[in-house]
Protein backbone atom coordinates (compact mmCIF):
# COMPACT_ATOMS: atom_id res chain seq x y z
CA MET A 1 -45.70 -7.56 7.67
CA ALA A 2 -47.38 -7.49 11.34
CA ASN A 3 -45.61 -3.96 11.79
CA HIS A 4 -47.33 -2.74 8.70
CA LEU A 5 -50.77 -4.17 10.22
CA VAL A 6 -49.99 -2.61 13.30
CA LYS A 7 -49.31 0.68 12.01
CA THR A 8 -52.16 0.26 9.45
CA SER A 9 -54.44 -0.41 12.44
CA LYS A 10 -52.95 3.28 14.21
CA PHE A 11 -53.41 5.42 11.10
CA LEU A 12 -57.07 3.46 10.65
CA SER A 13 -58.33 4.29 14.72
CA LEU A 14 -57.28 7.94 13.39
CA VAL A 15 -59.78 8.42 10.33
CA LEU A 16 -62.53 6.05 11.56
CA ARG A 17 -62.58 7.59 15.29
CA HIS A 18 -61.57 10.83 15.23
CA GLU A 19 -60.74 12.37 11.90
CA PRO A 20 -62.17 11.31 8.88
CA GLU A 21 -61.94 14.70 7.03
CA ARG A 22 -58.21 13.83 7.60
CA ILE A 23 -58.48 12.37 4.69
CA GLY A 24 -61.50 13.11 2.45
CA ILE A 25 -64.21 10.70 3.90
CA THR A 26 -66.96 11.11 5.29
CA ILE A 27 -68.91 8.89 7.98
CA ASP A 28 -72.94 7.57 8.33
CA ALA A 29 -74.55 8.81 11.91
CA GLN A 30 -73.99 5.02 12.31
CA GLY A 31 -70.55 5.78 11.79
CA TRP A 32 -69.96 3.68 8.27
CA THR A 33 -67.92 4.87 5.51
CA SER A 34 -67.64 2.79 2.02
CA VAL A 35 -64.83 0.49 1.92
CA SER A 36 -63.93 1.50 -1.44
CA GLU A 37 -64.09 5.57 -0.64
CA LEU A 38 -61.37 4.50 2.39
CA LEU A 39 -58.95 2.63 -0.31
CA LYS A 40 -59.34 5.78 -2.97
CA ALA A 41 -58.40 8.02 0.27
CA CYS A 42 -56.13 6.59 2.18
CA ASP A 43 -53.87 6.27 -0.87
CA ALA A 44 -54.41 9.23 -2.39
CA HIS A 45 -53.11 10.67 0.98
CA GLY A 46 -50.00 8.89 1.18
CA PHE A 47 -51.55 5.64 2.70
CA PRO A 48 -51.84 3.12 -0.19
CA LEU A 49 -53.83 -0.42 1.32
CA THR A 50 -55.19 -2.85 -0.76
CA CYS A 51 -58.30 -4.52 0.43
CA GLU A 52 -56.70 -7.43 1.27
CA GLU A 53 -54.45 -5.34 3.54
CA LEU A 54 -57.66 -4.09 5.20
CA GLN A 55 -59.15 -7.22 5.52
CA ALA A 56 -55.88 -8.68 7.01
CA VAL A 57 -56.62 -5.18 9.83
CA VAL A 58 -60.20 -6.19 10.25
CA SER A 59 -59.31 -9.78 10.99
CA ASN A 60 -56.31 -9.61 12.37
CA ASN A 61 -56.63 -7.26 14.99
CA ASP A 62 -56.80 -8.67 18.80
CA LYS A 63 -58.72 -5.95 20.32
CA LYS A 64 -61.77 -6.81 16.78
CA ARG A 65 -61.51 -2.33 16.58
CA PHE A 66 -62.95 -2.84 12.86
CA ALA A 67 -65.86 -4.25 11.49
CA PHE A 68 -67.25 -4.87 8.17
CA ASN A 69 -70.94 -4.57 7.30
CA ALA A 70 -72.56 -8.03 6.15
CA ASP A 71 -71.77 -7.72 2.74
CA GLY A 72 -68.13 -6.10 3.27
CA SER A 73 -68.75 -3.06 1.41
CA ARG A 74 -68.72 -0.94 4.33
CA ILE A 75 -66.18 -0.51 7.46
CA ARG A 76 -66.49 1.51 11.03
CA ALA A 77 -64.42 1.35 14.30
CA SER A 78 -66.22 -0.65 17.11
CA GLN A 79 -66.46 2.09 19.93
CA GLY A 80 -63.76 4.75 21.31
CA HIS A 81 -64.87 7.54 18.38
CA SER A 82 -64.70 10.96 19.27
CA VAL A 83 -66.52 12.29 16.70
CA GLN A 84 -70.05 12.39 16.79
CA VAL A 85 -71.81 8.80 16.32
CA GLU A 86 -74.85 6.55 17.50
CA LEU A 87 -73.84 3.03 17.31
CA ASP A 88 -76.75 1.55 18.28
CA TYR A 89 -76.08 -0.61 20.62
CA THR A 90 -79.05 -1.94 23.09
CA PRO A 91 -78.48 -1.73 26.64
CA LEU A 92 -77.31 -4.83 28.50
CA ALA A 93 -77.43 -6.03 31.81
CA PRO A 94 -73.65 -6.23 32.09
CA PRO A 95 -71.49 -8.76 35.17
CA GLY A 96 -71.35 -8.40 38.33
CA ILE A 97 -67.96 -6.82 38.24
CA LEU A 98 -65.96 -5.24 35.35
CA TYR A 99 -62.61 -3.66 35.44
CA HIS A 100 -61.39 -0.26 34.16
CA GLY A 101 -56.83 -0.11 33.57
CA THR A 102 -55.62 3.58 33.81
CA ALA A 103 -51.99 4.87 34.67
CA GLU A 104 -51.49 5.59 38.61
CA ARG A 105 -51.10 9.04 38.30
CA PHE A 106 -54.87 9.96 36.80
CA LEU A 107 -56.13 7.92 40.58
CA SER A 108 -56.28 11.22 42.34
CA SER A 109 -59.06 12.81 39.76
CA ILE A 110 -60.98 9.40 39.81
CA ARG A 111 -61.21 9.38 43.62
CA GLN A 112 -63.24 12.70 42.71
CA THR A 113 -64.84 12.30 39.94
CA GLY A 114 -65.21 8.45 38.24
CA LEU A 115 -64.40 7.19 35.28
CA ILE A 116 -65.50 10.07 32.72
CA LYS A 117 -65.77 10.16 28.85
CA GLY A 118 -63.44 12.68 28.07
CA LYS A 119 -63.65 13.21 24.53
CA ARG A 120 -65.67 10.01 23.74
CA HIS A 121 -68.68 8.85 23.99
CA HIS A 122 -67.89 6.15 26.80
CA VAL A 123 -66.12 4.93 29.23
CA HIS A 124 -64.11 1.74 27.73
CA LEU A 125 -64.79 -1.25 30.64
CA SER A 126 -63.63 -4.87 30.19
CA GLN A 127 -64.55 -8.18 31.77
CA GLU A 128 -61.35 -9.32 31.90
CA GLU A 129 -58.37 -7.95 34.66
CA LEU A 130 -55.83 -8.81 32.40
CA THR A 131 -56.94 -6.66 29.67
CA ALA A 132 -57.52 -3.86 31.75
CA ARG A 133 -53.94 -3.75 33.00
CA ALA A 134 -52.58 -3.93 29.56
CA VAL A 135 -54.52 -0.98 28.51
CA GLY A 136 -53.57 0.90 31.69
CA GLN A 137 -49.74 0.22 31.01
CA ARG A 138 -49.99 2.53 28.31
CA TYR A 139 -50.15 5.58 30.06
CA GLY A 140 -47.89 5.21 33.05
CA LYS A 141 -47.73 2.56 35.66
CA PRO A 142 -50.60 0.55 35.72
CA VAL A 143 -53.44 0.59 38.23
CA VAL A 144 -56.70 -1.48 37.59
CA LEU A 145 -60.00 -0.82 38.84
CA GLU A 146 -63.27 -2.84 39.62
CA VAL A 147 -66.02 -1.50 38.85
CA LYS A 148 -69.13 -2.70 40.38
CA SER A 149 -71.25 -2.77 37.54
CA ASP A 150 -74.44 -4.84 39.09
CA LEU A 151 -75.15 -2.27 41.29
CA MET A 152 -74.95 0.55 38.83
CA HIS A 153 -76.90 -1.23 37.07
CA ASN A 154 -79.40 -1.67 39.09
CA ASP A 155 -79.35 2.05 40.32
CA GLY A 156 -80.11 2.81 36.72
CA TYR A 157 -77.46 3.32 34.78
CA GLN A 158 -77.01 1.67 30.96
CA PHE A 159 -74.27 -0.46 29.75
CA TYR A 160 -73.48 -1.99 26.22
CA ARG A 161 -70.92 -4.31 24.62
CA SER A 162 -69.62 -3.29 21.63
CA ALA A 163 -69.01 -5.46 18.64
CA ASN A 164 -65.66 -6.51 20.00
CA GLY A 165 -66.57 -7.21 23.32
CA VAL A 166 -65.85 -3.72 25.25
CA TRP A 167 -68.27 -2.50 27.50
CA LEU A 168 -69.47 0.75 27.68
CA THR A 169 -71.27 3.13 30.14
CA GLU A 170 -71.44 7.21 30.16
CA HIS A 171 -69.82 7.71 33.44
CA VAL A 172 -68.22 5.66 36.59
CA PRO A 173 -69.06 7.86 39.74
CA PRO A 174 -66.57 7.22 42.65
CA VAL A 175 -68.77 5.11 44.77
CA TYR A 176 -68.61 2.45 42.46
CA LEU A 177 -64.72 1.85 42.25
CA LYS A 178 -62.86 -0.10 44.46
CA LEU A 179 -58.72 -0.25 43.99
């Protein structure tokens, strides 16, 4: 069952963050889609999913990648979209230091350009160094960068905290990074 939940989580990340058209669903301007439409579309595209399985993925995902609305009728990804959405997160003052996990092979580029959001809406940062290390391991030999988020914030950069606790910002210039 755990393997099925991981596979389902990856599939939901794909369709709720990047390619809703793959299964013929639409997401609104804030990233929400109807749970009933999602379940029907999954079934019609060879990925049958029950409401109970969907609830298990949302509640058991250690990174809390997905969220239901208040009445449970709609679902969205908490962050990480490459499609245009406005998640309506309120700017917040970040903690003094945040962390970003990456692979060693990206350091040369990061030293020149800083952390860029790429195709996503924001750069993702963690409050815990261990979490950042785990993220970095997905891409190769991990490196954890320390982000001087308090200085960035004082210099006018905005930060947001997603529903699952990931800190978000548009860009981290190299001057605010430390290995």
